[in-house]
Amino acid sequence: MVSLEVCANSTTSALAAQEGGAVRVELCDNLNDGGTTPSAGQILTARKLLHIKLYVLIRPRGGDFLYNDTEYDIITSDVRFCIDSGCDGIVIGILKSDGTVDKERCRELVQLAKKWGLGVTFHRAFDMCVDLYQALEDIIEIGCDRILTSGGKTSAIEGASVLNHLVEKAAGRITIMPGCGVNEHNAADIVKFTGATELHSTAKTRMPSRMEYHNDHIIMGSFYGDEYGTDVTSADRVREIIKVANS
């Protein structure tokens, strides 16, 4: 049975993931930046309403995964908040400037989480490593439960060959979870080509705003976008991805 984790950009998306049959949610914010840590309100409300597993992305900003001491303090504080909030797990990833895994800091976070019974996923910082196979061994060594990865490529379907090799190299020691660009049109192929038993997807759809008045002469962010629509996970897409992945 192939299971699906949904990358949910809000509590609303998390509830849709649950409705559609996802086994776990990775709650985050700012998907356009690759995801950052969601607000306290999102975490607490999601924990109150979800009965599936709730993992929280621990990433203080977009950009690279090399963090200074202040940023690491933020990361540690966010992990402690997730522990106090009753989350099931955290999603982390810290690198050194040479493209290797920062084993010392990551191990500290893993030990802190596991002390309180939380699981740990290593996120797509993995895909930015200089040597994916050495990074695999390092992440196994520090005690993570799974790696979210696109095989070092922009999408999981592009990285399918590498993902297959990672699954083989992992040999059951850690779960390799393909993510990025996973949808109902390619989920079956990704499972077939990689041998993965877990998938990761946003399963999102565009929801129009209920605003009646539109000001079409303003851009609120740094880049042009639709100010009157939001991306939300679709329960129907979640169901379909799970269905085709297990076909």
C-alpha atoms as a PDB file:
ATOM      1  CA  MET A   1       0.000   0.000   0.000  1.00  0.00           C
ATOM      2  CA  VAL A   2       1.479   3.338  -1.091  1.00  0.00           C
ATOM      3  CA  SER A   3       0.663   6.143   1.337  1.00  0.00           C
ATOM      4  CA  LEU A   4       0.482   9.868   0.674  1.00  0.00           C
ATOM      5  CA  GLU A   5       1.806  12.759   2.734  1.00  0.00           C
ATOM      6  CA  VAL A   6       0.348  16.122   1.761  1.00  0.00           C
ATOM      7  CA  CYS A   7       2.350  19.332   1.875  1.00  0.00           C
ATOM      8  CA  ALA A   8      -0.361  21.601   3.291  1.00  0.00           C
ATOM      9  CA  ASN A   9       0.057  25.364   3.101  1.00  0.00           C
ATOM     10  CA  SER A  10      -2.670  26.017   5.688  1.00  0.00           C
ATOM     11  CA  THR A  11      -4.949  24.329   8.177  1.00  0.00           C
ATOM     12  CA  THR A  12      -7.651  24.446   5.500  1.00  0.00           C
ATOM     13  CA  SER A  13      -5.388  22.444   3.178  1.00  0.00           C
ATOM     14  CA  ALA A  14      -4.506  20.071   6.007  1.00  0.00           C
ATOM     15  CA  LEU A  15      -8.181  19.297   6.603  1.00  0.00           C
ATOM     16  CA  ALA A  16      -8.670  18.635   2.879  1.00  0.00           C
ATOM     17  CA  ALA A  17      -5.682  16.263   2.985  1.00  0.00           C
ATOM     18  CA  GLN A  18      -7.264  14.417   5.872  1.00  0.00           C
ATOM     19  CA  GLU A  19     -10.608  14.216   4.085  1.00  0.00           C
ATOM     20  CA  GLY A  20      -8.934  12.811   0.981  1.00  0.00           C
ATOM     21  CA  GLY A  21      -7.166  10.012   2.811  1.00  0.00           C
ATOM     22  CA  ALA A  22      -3.627  11.281   3.388  1.00  0.00           C
ATOM     23  CA  VAL A  23      -1.812   9.577   6.255  1.00  0.00           C
ATOM     24  CA  ARG A  24       0.219  12.611   7.222  1.00  0.00           C
ATOM     25  CA  VAL A  25       0.442  16.346   6.702  1.00  0.00           C
ATOM     26  CA  GLU A  26       3.576  18.436   6.364  1.00  0.00           C
ATOM     27  CA  LEU A  27       2.284  21.823   7.466  1.00  0.00           C
ATOM     28  CA  CYS A  28       4.163  24.780   6.022  1.00  0.00           C
ATOM     29  CA  ASP A  29       3.813  28.303   4.659  1.00  0.00           C
ATOM     30  CA  ASN A  30       5.145  30.212   1.650  1.00  0.00           C
ATOM     31  CA  LEU A  31       5.235  27.420  -0.908  1.00  0.00           C
ATOM     32  CA  ASN A  32       6.550  29.873  -3.510  1.00  0.00           C
ATOM     33  CA  ASP A  33       9.763  29.988  -1.460  1.00  0.00           C
ATOM     34  CA  GLY A  34       9.894  26.225  -1.178  1.00  0.00           C
ATOM     35  CA  GLY A  35       8.121  26.322   2.178  1.00  0.00           C
ATOM     36  CA  THR A  36       8.818  27.951   5.534  1.00  0.00           C
ATOM     37  CA  THR A  37       7.659  27.349   9.103  1.00  0.00           C
ATOM     38  CA  PRO A  38       3.940  28.084   9.559  1.00  0.00           C
ATOM     39  CA  SER A  39       2.572  30.364  12.250  1.00  0.00           C
ATOM     40  CA  ALA A  40       1.791  29.292  15.792  1.00  0.00           C
ATOM     41  CA  GLY A  41      -1.888  29.744  15.046  1.00  0.00           C
ATOM     42  CA  GLN A  42      -1.748  27.414  12.058  1.00  0.00           C
ATOM     43  CA  ILE A  43       0.084  24.744  14.046  1.00  0.00           C
ATOM     44  CA  LEU A  44      -2.191  24.903  17.090  1.00  0.00           C
ATOM     45  CA  THR A  45      -5.398  24.927  15.045  1.00  0.00           C
ATOM     46  CA  ALA A  46      -4.233  22.084  12.825  1.00  0.00           C
ATOM     47  CA  ARG A  47      -3.308  20.019  15.878  1.00  0.00           C
ATOM     48  CA  LYS A  48      -6.753  20.594  17.350  1.00  0.00           C
ATOM     49  CA  LEU A  49      -8.615  19.560  14.183  1.00  0.00           C
ATOM     50  CA  LEU A  50      -6.499  16.773  12.695  1.00  0.00           C
ATOM     51  CA  HIS A  51      -6.572  13.115  13.666  1.00  0.00           C
ATOM     52  CA  ILE A  52      -3.932  12.128  11.077  1.00  0.00           C
ATOM     53  CA  LYS A  53      -0.258  12.734  11.771  1.00  0.00           C
ATOM     54  CA  LEU A  54       0.911  16.338  11.821  1.00  0.00           C
ATOM     55  CA  TYR A  55       4.504  17.117  10.885  1.00  0.00           C
ATOM     56  CA  VAL A  56       5.699  20.735  10.751  1.00  0.00           C
ATOM     57  CA  LEU A  57       8.310  22.159   8.401  1.00  0.00           C
ATOM     58  CA  ILE A  58      11.121  23.798  10.366  1.00  0.00           C
ATOM     59  CA  ARG A  59      12.659  26.341   8.010  1.00  0.00           C
ATOM     60  CA  PRO A  60      13.045  29.965   9.133  1.00  0.00           C
ATOM     61  CA  ARG A  61      13.390  31.456   5.634  1.00  0.00           C
ATOM     62  CA  GLY A  62      13.611  30.744   1.943  1.00  0.00           C
ATOM     63  CA  GLY A  63      16.917  30.477   0.120  1.00  0.00           C
ATOM     64  CA  ASP A  64      19.752  28.142   1.040  1.00  0.00           C
ATOM     65  CA  PHE A  65      20.003  25.791   4.020  1.00  0.00           C
ATOM     66  CA  LEU A  66      23.123  27.284   5.614  1.00  0.00           C
ATOM     67  CA  TYR A  67      22.035  28.963   8.848  1.00  0.00           C
ATOM     68  CA  ASN A  68      23.816  31.310  11.229  1.00  0.00           C
ATOM     69  CA  ASP A  69      23.615  31.008  15.015  1.00  0.00           C
ATOM     70  CA  THR A  70      20.580  33.287  15.311  1.00  0.00           C
ATOM     71  CA  GLU A  71      18.693  31.292  12.692  1.00  0.00           C
ATOM     72  CA  TYR A  72      19.626  28.051  14.444  1.00  0.00           C
ATOM     73  CA  ASP A  73      18.211  29.455  17.690  1.00  0.00           C
ATOM     74  CA  ILE A  74      14.961  30.143  15.817  1.00  0.00           C
ATOM     75  CA  ILE A  75      14.954  26.603  14.458  1.00  0.00           C
ATOM     76  CA  THR A  76      15.481  25.121  17.918  1.00  0.00           C
ATOM     77  CA  SER A  77      12.731  27.298  19.382  1.00  0.00           C
ATOM     78  CA  ASP A  78      10.323  26.201  16.640  1.00  0.00           C
ATOM     79  CA  VAL A  79      11.116  22.545  17.341  1.00  0.00           C
ATOM     80  CA  ARG A  80      10.374  23.080  21.035  1.00  0.00           C
ATOM     81  CA  PHE A  81       7.089  24.764  20.123  1.00  0.00           C
ATOM     82  CA  CYS A  82       6.105  21.763  18.011  1.00  0.00           C
ATOM     83  CA  ILE A  83       6.920  19.460  20.918  1.00  0.00           C
ATOM     84  CA  ASP A  84       4.831  21.563  23.307  1.00  0.00           C
ATOM     85  CA  SER A  85       1.984  21.711  20.773  1.00  0.00           C
ATOM     86  CA  GLY A  86       1.681  17.934  20.519  1.00  0.00           C
ATOM     87  CA  CYS A  87       2.851  17.570  16.919  1.00  0.00           C
ATOM     88  CA  ASP A  88       3.744  14.116  15.644  1.00  0.00           C
ATOM     89  CA  GLY A  89       6.929  15.119  13.916  1.00  0.00           C
ATOM     90  CA  ILE A  90       9.177  17.764  12.405  1.00  0.00           C
ATOM     91  CA  VAL A  91      10.756  18.236   8.981  1.00  0.00           C
ATOM     92  CA  ILE A  92      14.302  19.587   9.060  1.00  0.00           C
ATOM     93  CA  GLY A  93      17.438  20.072   6.970  1.00  0.00           C
ATOM     94  CA  ILE A  94      20.654  21.977   7.653  1.00  0.00           C
ATOM     95  CA  LEU A  95      23.714  21.967   5.392  1.00  0.00           C
ATOM     96  CA  LYS A  96      27.292  23.128   5.627  1.00  0.00           C
ATOM     97  CA  SER A  97      28.756  25.563   3.110  1.00  0.00           C
ATOM     98  CA  ASP A  98      30.484  22.720   1.228  1.00  0.00           C
ATOM     99  CA  GLY A  99      27.160  21.045   0.443  1.00  0.00           C
ATOM    100  CA  THR A 100      27.376  18.326   3.090  1.00  0.00           C
ATOM    101  CA  VAL A 101      24.872  17.627   5.833  1.00  0.00           C
ATOM    102  CA  ASP A 102      25.464  19.550   9.067  1.00  0.00           C
ATOM    103  CA  LYS A 103      25.415  16.373  11.129  1.00  0.00           C
ATOM    104  CA  GLU A 104      26.144  18.054  14.464  1.00  0.00           C
ATOM    105  CA  ARG A 105      23.209  20.469  14.355  1.00  0.00           C
ATOM    106  CA  CYS A 106      20.823  18.035  12.700  1.00  0.00           C
ATOM    107  CA  ARG A 107      21.666  15.370  15.275  1.00  0.00           C
ATOM    108  CA  GLU A 108      20.850  17.818  18.081  1.00  0.00           C
ATOM    109  CA  LEU A 109      17.430  18.484  16.551  1.00  0.00           C
ATOM    110  CA  VAL A 110      16.742  14.782  15.974  1.00  0.00           C
ATOM    111  CA  GLN A 111      17.686  13.896  19.540  1.00  0.00           C
ATOM    112  CA  LEU A 112      15.496  16.683  20.909  1.00  0.00           C
ATOM    113  CA  ALA A 113      12.515  15.570  18.842  1.00  0.00           C
ATOM    114  CA  LYS A 114      12.942  11.854  19.549  1.00  0.00           C
ATOM    115  CA  LYS A 115      13.297  12.496  23.274  1.00  0.00           C
ATOM    116  CA  TRP A 116       9.658  13.612  23.206  1.00  0.00           C
ATOM    117  CA  GLY A 117       8.432  10.960  20.789  1.00  0.00           C
ATOM    118  CA  LEU A 118       8.375  13.002  17.554  1.00  0.00           C
ATOM    119  CA  GLY A 119       9.375  11.584  14.192  1.00  0.00           C
ATOM    120  CA  VAL A 120      11.833  13.399  11.932  1.00  0.00           C
ATOM    121  CA  THR A 121      11.885  13.817   8.159  1.00  0.00           C
ATOM    122  CA  PHE A 122      14.882  15.345   6.370  1.00  0.00           C
ATOM    123  CA  HIS A 123      13.516  17.679   3.699  1.00  0.00           C
ATOM    124  CA  ARG A 124      14.694  18.654   0.227  1.00  0.00           C
ATOM    125  CA  ALA A 125      17.820  20.329   1.519  1.00  0.00           C
ATOM    126  CA  PHE A 126      18.974  16.801   0.707  1.00  0.00           C
ATOM    127  CA  ASP A 127      18.612  17.604  -2.999  1.00  0.00           C
ATOM    128  CA  MET A 128      21.108  20.451  -2.635  1.00  0.00           C
ATOM    129  CA  CYS A 129      23.867  18.210  -1.272  1.00  0.00           C
ATOM    130  CA  VAL A 130      27.105  17.712  -3.182  1.00  0.00           C
ATOM    131  CA  ASP A 131      26.885  13.906  -2.883  1.00  0.00           C
ATOM    132  CA  LEU A 132      23.406  12.441  -2.425  1.00  0.00           C
ATOM    133  CA  TYR A 133      24.633   8.974  -1.518  1.00  0.00           C
ATOM    134  CA  GLN A 134      26.973  10.244   1.201  1.00  0.00           C
ATOM    135  CA  ALA A 135      24.174  12.507   2.434  1.00  0.00           C
ATOM    136  CA  LEU A 136      21.914   9.443   2.590  1.00  0.00           C
ATOM    137  CA  GLU A 137      24.379   7.689   4.899  1.00  0.00           C
ATOM    138  CA  ASP A 138      24.815  10.811   7.041  1.00  0.00           C
ATOM    139  CA  ILE A 139      21.066  11.248   7.476  1.00  0.00           C
ATOM    140  CA  ILE A 140      20.641   7.595   8.410  1.00  0.00           C
ATOM    141  CA  GLU A 141      23.456   8.002  10.941  1.00  0.00           C
ATOM    142  CA  ILE A 142      21.831  10.989  12.676  1.00  0.00           C
ATOM    143  CA  GLY A 143      18.559   9.091  13.087  1.00  0.00           C
ATOM    144  CA  CYS A 144      15.995  10.561  10.683  1.00  0.00           C
ATOM    145  CA  ASP A 145      13.027   8.388   9.713  1.00  0.00           C
ATOM    146  CA  ARG A 146      12.655   9.446   6.076  1.00  0.00           C
ATOM    147  CA  ILE A 147      14.040  11.696   3.368  1.00  0.00           C
ATOM    148  CA  LEU A 148      11.814  13.893   1.215  1.00  0.00           C
ATOM    149  CA  THR A 149      13.570  14.161  -2.133  1.00  0.00           C
ATOM    150  CA  SER A 150      13.142  14.735  -5.847  1.00  0.00           C
ATOM    151  CA  GLY A 151      16.350  12.852  -6.588  1.00  0.00           C
ATOM    152  CA  GLY A 152      18.394  16.018  -6.900  1.00  0.00           C
ATOM    153  CA  LYS A 153      16.247  17.261  -9.782  1.00  0.00           C
ATOM    154  CA  THR A 154      13.519  19.907 -10.078  1.00  0.00           C
ATOM    155  CA  SER A 155      10.771  17.263  -9.991  1.00  0.00           C
ATOM    156  CA  ALA A 156      10.450  13.685  -8.792  1.00  0.00           C
ATOM    157  CA  ILE A 157       9.664  12.383 -12.266  1.00  0.00           C
ATOM    158  CA  GLU A 158      12.917  13.904 -13.572  1.00  0.00           C
ATOM    159  CA  GLY A 159      14.824  12.369 -10.676  1.00  0.00           C
ATOM    160  CA  ALA A 160      13.118   8.959 -10.875  1.00  0.00           C
ATOM    161  CA  SER A 161      16.298   7.058 -11.752  1.00  0.00           C
ATOM    162  CA  VAL A 162      18.224   8.560  -8.850  1.00  0.00           C
ATOM    163  CA  LEU A 163      15.248   7.972  -6.547  1.00  0.00           C
ATOM    164  CA  ASN A 164      15.297   4.309  -7.523  1.00  0.00           C
ATOM    165  CA  HIS A 165      18.992   4.068  -6.647  1.00  0.00           C
ATOM    166  CA  LEU A 166      18.370   5.829  -3.327  1.00  0.00           C
ATOM    167  CA  VAL A 167      15.606   3.378  -2.440  1.00  0.00           C
ATOM    168  CA  GLU A 168      17.984   0.513  -3.243  1.00  0.00           C
ATOM    169  CA  LYS A 169      20.868   2.052  -1.268  1.00  0.00           C
ATOM    170  CA  ALA A 170      18.608   2.784   1.703  1.00  0.00           C
ATOM    171  CA  ALA A 171      17.695  -0.920   1.825  1.00  0.00           C
ATOM    172  CA  GLY A 172      14.956  -0.364   4.381  1.00  0.00           C
ATOM    173  CA  ARG A 173      17.162   1.611   6.769  1.00  0.00           C
ATOM    174  CA  ILE A 174      15.253   4.825   6.037  1.00  0.00           C
ATOM    175  CA  THR A 175      12.202   5.708   3.937  1.00  0.00           C
ATOM    176  CA  ILE A 176      12.780   7.529   0.663  1.00  0.00           C
ATOM    177  CA  MET A 177       9.713   9.672  -0.088  1.00  0.00           C
ATOM    178  CA  PRO A 178       9.553  11.176  -3.605  1.00  0.00           C
ATOM    179  CA  GLY A 179       8.136  14.683  -3.716  1.00  0.00           C
ATOM    180  CA  CYS A 180       7.862  17.747  -5.947  1.00  0.00           C
ATOM    181  CA  GLY A 181       5.580  17.642  -8.952  1.00  0.00           C
ATOM    182  CA  VAL A 182       3.863  14.431  -7.828  1.00  0.00           C
ATOM    183  CA  ASN A 183       0.293  14.351  -9.120  1.00  0.00           C
ATOM    184  CA  GLU A 184      -2.468  12.050 -10.312  1.00  0.00           C
ATOM    185  CA  HIS A 185      -0.921  11.884 -13.788  1.00  0.00           C
ATOM    186  CA  ASN A 186       2.508  10.600 -12.760  1.00  0.00           C
ATOM    187  CA  ALA A 187       2.110   8.999  -9.323  1.00  0.00           C
ATOM    188  CA  ALA A 188       1.759   5.487 -10.732  1.00  0.00           C
ATOM    189  CA  ASP A 189       4.889   5.887 -12.873  1.00  0.00           C
ATOM    190  CA  ILE A 190       6.913   7.291  -9.968  1.00  0.00           C
ATOM    191  CA  VAL A 191       5.965   4.327  -7.796  1.00  0.00           C
ATOM    192  CA  LYS A 192       6.776   1.906 -10.617  1.00  0.00           C
ATOM    193  CA  PHE A 193      10.122   3.475 -11.506  1.00  0.00           C
ATOM    194  CA  THR A 194      11.359   4.111  -7.949  1.00  0.00           C
ATOM    195  CA  GLY A 195       9.886   1.384  -5.759  1.00  0.00           C
ATOM    196  CA  ALA A 196       8.809   4.029  -3.229  1.00  0.00           C
ATOM    197  CA  THR A 197       6.050   3.245  -0.743  1.00  0.00           C
ATOM    198  CA  GLU A 198       5.395   6.854   0.324  1.00  0.00           C
ATOM    199  CA  LEU A 199       4.670   9.892  -1.860  1.00  0.00           C
ATOM    200  CA  HIS A 200       4.513  13.618  -1.121  1.00  0.00           C
ATOM    201  CA  SER A 201       2.298  16.115  -2.945  1.00  0.00           C
ATOM    202  CA  THR A 202       0.545  19.440  -2.458  1.00  0.00           C
ATOM    203  CA  ALA A 203      -2.473  18.176  -4.454  1.00  0.00           C
ATOM    204  CA  LYS A 204      -3.450  21.816  -4.711  1.00  0.00           C
ATOM    205  CA  THR A 205      -6.029  23.651  -6.740  1.00  0.00           C
ATOM    206  CA  ARG A 206      -6.683  27.363  -7.278  1.00  0.00           C
ATOM    207  CA  MET A 207      -9.604  28.751  -5.287  1.00  0.00           C
ATOM    208  CA  PRO A 208     -11.085  32.099  -6.355  1.00  0.00           C
ATOM    209  CA  SER A 209     -11.665  34.809  -3.773  1.00  0.00           C
ATOM    210  CA  ARG A 210     -15.161  35.558  -2.521  1.00  0.00           C
ATOM    211  CA  MET A 211     -14.419  39.289  -2.674  1.00  0.00           C
ATOM    212  CA  GLU A 212     -16.984  41.213  -4.720  1.00  0.00           C
ATOM    213  CA  TYR A 213     -14.837  44.316  -5.141  1.00  0.00           C
ATOM    214  CA  HIS A 214     -11.525  43.904  -7.024  1.00  0.00           C
ATOM    215  CA  ASN A 215      -8.805  46.532  -7.216  1.00  0.00           C
ATOM    216  CA  ASP A 216      -7.004  45.536 -10.410  1.00  0.00           C
ATOM    217  CA  HIS A 217      -4.426  48.360 -10.209  1.00  0.00           C
ATOM    218  CA  ILE A 218      -2.248  47.020  -7.409  1.00  0.00           C
ATOM    219  CA  ILE A 219       0.244  44.248  -6.731  1.00  0.00           C
ATOM    220  CA  MET A 220       0.609  43.357  -3.064  1.00  0.00           C
ATOM    221  CA  GLY A 221       3.782  41.249  -3.284  1.00  0.00           C
ATOM    222  CA  SER A 222       7.178  41.558  -4.932  1.00  0.00           C
ATOM    223  CA  PHE A 223       6.054  39.710  -8.056  1.00  0.00           C
ATOM    224  CA  TYR A 224       2.962  39.748 -10.188  1.00  0.00           C
ATOM    225  CA  GLY A 225       0.330  37.351  -8.975  1.00  0.00           C
ATOM    226  CA  ASP A 226      -3.378  36.805  -8.589  1.00  0.00           C
ATOM    227  CA  GLU A 227      -4.438  38.807  -5.550  1.00  0.00           C
ATOM    228  CA  TYR A 228      -7.907  37.275  -5.692  1.00  0.00           C
ATOM    229  CA  GLY A 229      -7.189  33.588  -5.449  1.00  0.00           C
ATOM    230  CA  THR A 230      -5.403  31.136  -3.178  1.00  0.00           C
ATOM    231  CA  ASP A 231      -3.911  27.680  -3.614  1.00  0.00           C
ATOM    232  CA  VAL A 232      -5.613  25.072  -1.441  1.00  0.00           C
ATOM    233  CA  THR A 233      -5.225  21.300  -1.266  1.00  0.00           C
ATOM    234  CA  SER A 234      -8.030  19.440  -3.018  1.00  0.00           C
ATOM    235  CA  ALA A 235      -9.472  16.415  -1.220  1.00  0.00           C
ATOM    236  CA  ASP A 236     -10.510  15.001  -4.610  1.00  0.00           C
ATOM    237  CA  ARG A 237      -6.955  15.248  -5.949  1.00  0.00           C
ATOM    238  CA  VAL A 238      -5.630  13.585  -2.799  1.00  0.00           C
ATOM    239  CA  ARG A 239      -8.023  10.677  -3.333  1.00  0.00           C
ATOM    240  CA  GLU A 240      -7.053  10.358  -6.983  1.00  0.00           C
ATOM    241  CA  ILE A 241      -3.301  10.385  -6.301  1.00  0.00           C
ATOM    242  CA  ILE A 242      -3.711   7.648  -3.700  1.00  0.00           C
ATOM    243  CA  LYS A 243      -5.901   5.667  -6.085  1.00  0.00           C
ATOM    244  CA  VAL A 244      -3.512   5.743  -9.052  1.00  0.00           C
ATOM    245  CA  ALA A 245      -0.435   5.206  -6.863  1.00  0.00           C
ATOM    246  CA  ASN A 246      -1.969   1.936  -5.723  1.00  0.00           C
ATOM    247  CA  SER A 247      -3.326   0.868  -9.099  1.00  0.00           C
END
